[in-house]
Amino acid sequence: MSNARRGAVRNSYRTGYLRSPVWFARRDKWFRTQERRHPLTCAACDRPGTRRTLELHHLTYRGVRVLDGRWLATEKHDDLTALHPFCHELLHRLIDRDRILARSRTHRDASRIALQRLRATLTRETSAP
């Protein structure tokens, strides 16, 4: 098992699923639901965002499936979290570069731990004089 990202050429999740109409419909549903509950914010930096300025990070890929050659988007609401693109990239870099997070944890646990580290770092940087 590896949580490290593969290149787009070898990753049908990135080249297929994240470009599919079924993902865009699931993404829109997530944002509509979230907007009814709370204002949209980045899970890493806690700054406000919008559907256009935030990306969704998968905490698990259990809801992402292919059936008879068609993508299915059955992610639970709590399996997704919103991040600014920069914060999302930092999160993946933390996971990719830490051997334990990249190889010895579930993707949910690796994401949770990396997100805690990222929040702590961003909080320190924004509170510094």
C-alpha atoms as a PDB file:
ATOM      1  CA  MET A   1       0.000   0.000   0.000  1.00  0.00           C
ATOM      2  CA  SER A   2       1.224   3.463  -0.822  1.00  0.00           C
ATOM      3  CA  ASN A   3      -0.366   6.844  -0.253  1.00  0.00           C
ATOM      4  CA  ALA A   4       2.229   8.561  -2.439  1.00  0.00           C
ATOM      5  CA  ARG A   5       0.777  10.042  -5.604  1.00  0.00           C
ATOM      6  CA  ARG A   6       1.542   8.393  -8.892  1.00  0.00           C
ATOM      7  CA  GLY A   7       2.092  10.398 -12.038  1.00  0.00           C
ATOM      8  CA  ALA A   8      -1.034  11.366 -13.944  1.00  0.00           C
ATOM      9  CA  VAL A   9      -0.179   9.051 -16.846  1.00  0.00           C
ATOM     10  CA  ARG A  10      -0.391   5.950 -14.628  1.00  0.00           C
ATOM     11  CA  ASN A  11      -3.208   7.168 -12.418  1.00  0.00           C
ATOM     12  CA  SER A  12      -6.697   6.650 -13.866  1.00  0.00           C
ATOM     13  CA  TYR A  13      -8.157   8.280 -10.731  1.00  0.00           C
ATOM     14  CA  ARG A  14      -6.562  11.607 -11.665  1.00  0.00           C
ATOM     15  CA  THR A  15      -6.896  11.350 -15.439  1.00  0.00           C
ATOM     16  CA  GLY A  16     -10.320   9.703 -15.473  1.00  0.00           C
ATOM     17  CA  TYR A  17     -12.328  10.103 -12.309  1.00  0.00           C
ATOM     18  CA  LEU A  18     -11.371  13.681 -11.402  1.00  0.00           C
ATOM     19  CA  ARG A  19     -12.293  14.761 -14.936  1.00  0.00           C
ATOM     20  CA  SER A  20     -15.554  12.843 -15.116  1.00  0.00           C
ATOM     21  CA  PRO A  21     -19.069  14.313 -15.007  1.00  0.00           C
ATOM     22  CA  VAL A  22     -19.900  11.983 -12.110  1.00  0.00           C
ATOM     23  CA  TRP A  23     -17.101  13.561 -10.003  1.00  0.00           C
ATOM     24  CA  PHE A  24     -18.226  17.103 -10.844  1.00  0.00           C
ATOM     25  CA  ALA A  25     -21.787  16.216  -9.803  1.00  0.00           C
ATOM     26  CA  ARG A  26     -20.515  14.662  -6.538  1.00  0.00           C
ATOM     27  CA  ARG A  27     -18.287  17.674  -5.902  1.00  0.00           C
ATOM     28  CA  ASP A  28     -21.197  20.092  -6.437  1.00  0.00           C
ATOM     29  CA  LYS A  29     -23.368  18.046  -4.075  1.00  0.00           C
ATOM     30  CA  TRP A  30     -20.655  18.138  -1.398  1.00  0.00           C
ATOM     31  CA  PHE A  31     -20.331  21.924  -1.645  1.00  0.00           C
ATOM     32  CA  ARG A  32     -24.126  22.460  -1.573  1.00  0.00           C
ATOM     33  CA  THR A  33     -24.423  20.302   1.547  1.00  0.00           C
ATOM     34  CA  GLN A  34     -21.449  21.939   3.240  1.00  0.00           C
ATOM     35  CA  GLU A  35     -22.643  25.473   2.485  1.00  0.00           C
ATOM     36  CA  ARG A  36     -25.944  24.705   4.254  1.00  0.00           C
ATOM     37  CA  ARG A  37     -24.049  23.554   7.365  1.00  0.00           C
ATOM     38  CA  HIS A  38     -21.145  26.026   7.652  1.00  0.00           C
ATOM     39  CA  PRO A  39     -19.360  28.746   5.731  1.00  0.00           C
ATOM     40  CA  LEU A  40     -16.780  27.238   3.371  1.00  0.00           C
ATOM     41  CA  THR A  41     -13.244  27.275   4.760  1.00  0.00           C
ATOM     42  CA  CYS A  42      -9.982  25.517   4.032  1.00  0.00           C
ATOM     43  CA  ALA A  43      -9.319  22.619   6.405  1.00  0.00           C
ATOM     44  CA  ALA A  44      -5.619  23.544   6.531  1.00  0.00           C
ATOM     45  CA  CYS A  45      -5.390  27.336   6.816  1.00  0.00           C
ATOM     46  CA  ASP A  46      -8.975  27.949   8.030  1.00  0.00           C
ATOM     47  CA  ARG A  47      -9.346  30.853   5.614  1.00  0.00           C
ATOM     48  CA  PRO A  48     -12.652  31.318   3.795  1.00  0.00           C
ATOM     49  CA  GLY A  49     -13.108  29.905   0.345  1.00  0.00           C
ATOM     50  CA  THR A  50     -15.675  29.276  -2.350  1.00  0.00           C
ATOM     51  CA  ARG A  51     -16.543  26.399  -4.667  1.00  0.00           C
ATOM     52  CA  ARG A  52     -14.214  27.970  -7.191  1.00  0.00           C
ATOM     53  CA  THR A  53     -11.290  28.556  -4.841  1.00  0.00           C
ATOM     54  CA  LEU A  54     -11.372  25.256  -2.922  1.00  0.00           C
ATOM     55  CA  GLU A  55     -10.536  21.726  -3.989  1.00  0.00           C
ATOM     56  CA  LEU A  56     -11.730  18.522  -2.358  1.00  0.00           C
ATOM     57  CA  HIS A  57      -9.253  16.071  -0.872  1.00  0.00           C
ATOM     58  CA  HIS A  58     -10.278  12.421  -0.549  1.00  0.00           C
ATOM     59  CA  LEU A  59      -9.633  11.052   2.941  1.00  0.00           C
ATOM     60  CA  THR A  60     -10.462   7.607   1.577  1.00  0.00           C
ATOM     61  CA  TYR A  61     -11.044   6.283  -1.898  1.00  0.00           C
ATOM     62  CA  ARG A  62     -13.650   3.701  -0.841  1.00  0.00           C
ATOM     63  CA  GLY A  63     -16.441   5.535  -2.651  1.00  0.00           C
ATOM     64  CA  VAL A  64     -14.519   5.839  -5.911  1.00  0.00           C
ATOM     65  CA  ARG A  65     -15.231   2.821  -8.074  1.00  0.00           C
ATOM     66  CA  VAL A  66     -15.486   1.686 -11.649  1.00  0.00           C
ATOM     67  CA  LEU A  67     -18.363  -0.575 -12.595  1.00  0.00           C
ATOM     68  CA  ASP A  68     -18.695  -1.870 -16.149  1.00  0.00           C
ATOM     69  CA  GLY A  69     -16.233   0.782 -17.322  1.00  0.00           C
ATOM     70  CA  ARG A  70     -18.137   3.673 -15.700  1.00  0.00           C
ATOM     71  CA  TRP A  71     -17.001   5.708 -12.711  1.00  0.00           C
ATOM     72  CA  LEU A  72     -19.177   5.711  -9.602  1.00  0.00           C
ATOM     73  CA  ALA A  73     -19.030   8.512  -7.037  1.00  0.00           C
ATOM     74  CA  THR A  74     -20.324   7.103  -3.764  1.00  0.00           C
ATOM     75  CA  GLU A  75     -18.023   8.901  -1.352  1.00  0.00           C
ATOM     76  CA  LYS A  76     -19.477   9.649   2.048  1.00  0.00           C
ATOM     77  CA  HIS A  77     -19.647  13.353   2.891  1.00  0.00           C
ATOM     78  CA  ASP A  78     -17.033  12.920   5.619  1.00  0.00           C
ATOM     79  CA  ASP A  79     -14.614  11.232   3.208  1.00  0.00           C
ATOM     80  CA  LEU A  80     -13.967  14.611   1.548  1.00  0.00           C
ATOM     81  CA  THR A  81     -12.457  17.811   2.920  1.00  0.00           C
ATOM     82  CA  ALA A  82     -11.995  21.227   1.315  1.00  0.00           C
ATOM     83  CA  LEU A  83      -8.570  22.800   0.822  1.00  0.00           C
ATOM     84  CA  HIS A  84      -7.147  25.721  -1.099  1.00  0.00           C
ATOM     85  CA  PRO A  85      -5.056  24.417  -4.037  1.00  0.00           C
ATOM     86  CA  PHE A  86      -1.791  25.523  -2.362  1.00  0.00           C
ATOM     87  CA  CYS A  87      -2.761  23.856   0.934  1.00  0.00           C
ATOM     88  CA  HIS A  88      -3.871  20.733  -0.955  1.00  0.00           C
ATOM     89  CA  GLU A  89      -0.503  20.508  -2.678  1.00  0.00           C
ATOM     90  CA  LEU A  90       1.327  20.991   0.647  1.00  0.00           C
ATOM     91  CA  LEU A  91      -0.771  18.235   2.216  1.00  0.00           C
ATOM     92  CA  HIS A  92       0.149  15.789  -0.551  1.00  0.00           C
ATOM     93  CA  ARG A  93       3.815  16.763  -0.313  1.00  0.00           C
ATOM     94  CA  LEU A  94       3.802  16.042   3.424  1.00  0.00           C
ATOM     95  CA  ILE A  95       2.265  12.628   2.807  1.00  0.00           C
ATOM     96  CA  ASP A  96       4.531  11.828  -0.152  1.00  0.00           C
ATOM     97  CA  ARG A  97       7.761  12.785   1.624  1.00  0.00           C
ATOM     98  CA  ASP A  98       7.129  11.082   4.960  1.00  0.00           C
ATOM     99  CA  ARG A  99       7.865   7.332   4.620  1.00  0.00           C
ATOM    100  CA  ILE A 100       5.520   6.380   7.443  1.00  0.00           C
ATOM    101  CA  LEU A 101       2.636   8.479   6.127  1.00  0.00           C
ATOM    102  CA  ALA A 102       3.246   7.382   2.551  1.00  0.00           C
ATOM    103  CA  ARG A 103       3.485   3.660   3.299  1.00  0.00           C
ATOM    104  CA  SER A 104       2.438   2.583   6.771  1.00  0.00           C
ATOM    105  CA  ARG A 105      -0.865   4.331   7.363  1.00  0.00           C
ATOM    106  CA  THR A 106      -4.317   4.313   5.882  1.00  0.00           C
ATOM    107  CA  HIS A 107      -4.948   7.239   3.575  1.00  0.00           C
ATOM    108  CA  ARG A 108      -7.424   8.665   6.111  1.00  0.00           C
ATOM    109  CA  ASP A 109      -4.870   8.482   8.949  1.00  0.00           C
ATOM    110  CA  ALA A 110      -2.056   9.817   6.764  1.00  0.00           C
ATOM    111  CA  SER A 111      -4.266  12.731   5.670  1.00  0.00           C
ATOM    112  CA  ARG A 112      -5.363  13.452   9.250  1.00  0.00           C
ATOM    113  CA  ILE A 113      -1.787  13.492  10.588  1.00  0.00           C
ATOM    114  CA  ALA A 114      -0.467  15.558   7.667  1.00  0.00           C
ATOM    115  CA  LEU A 115      -3.368  17.991   8.032  1.00  0.00           C
ATOM    116  CA  GLN A 116      -2.583  18.456  11.747  1.00  0.00           C
ATOM    117  CA  ARG A 117       1.062  19.193  10.896  1.00  0.00           C
ATOM    118  CA  LEU A 118       0.050  21.575   8.136  1.00  0.00           C
ATOM    119  CA  ARG A 119      -2.394  23.455  10.397  1.00  0.00           C
ATOM    120  CA  ALA A 120       0.272  23.815  13.085  1.00  0.00           C
ATOM    121  CA  THR A 121       2.807  25.119  10.574  1.00  0.00           C
ATOM    122  CA  LEU A 122       0.378  27.552   8.949  1.00  0.00           C
ATOM    123  CA  THR A 123      -0.816  28.793  12.345  1.00  0.00           C
ATOM    124  CA  ARG A 124       2.762  29.459  13.469  1.00  0.00           C
ATOM    125  CA  GLU A 125       3.542  31.309  10.235  1.00  0.00           C
ATOM    126  CA  THR A 126       0.454  33.520  10.377  1.00  0.00           C
ATOM    127  CA  SER A 127       0.894  34.350  14.071  1.00  0.00           C
ATOM    128  CA  ALA A 128       4.610  35.212  13.800  1.00  0.00           C
ATOM    129  CA  PRO A 129       5.443  38.951  14.085  1.00  0.00           C
END
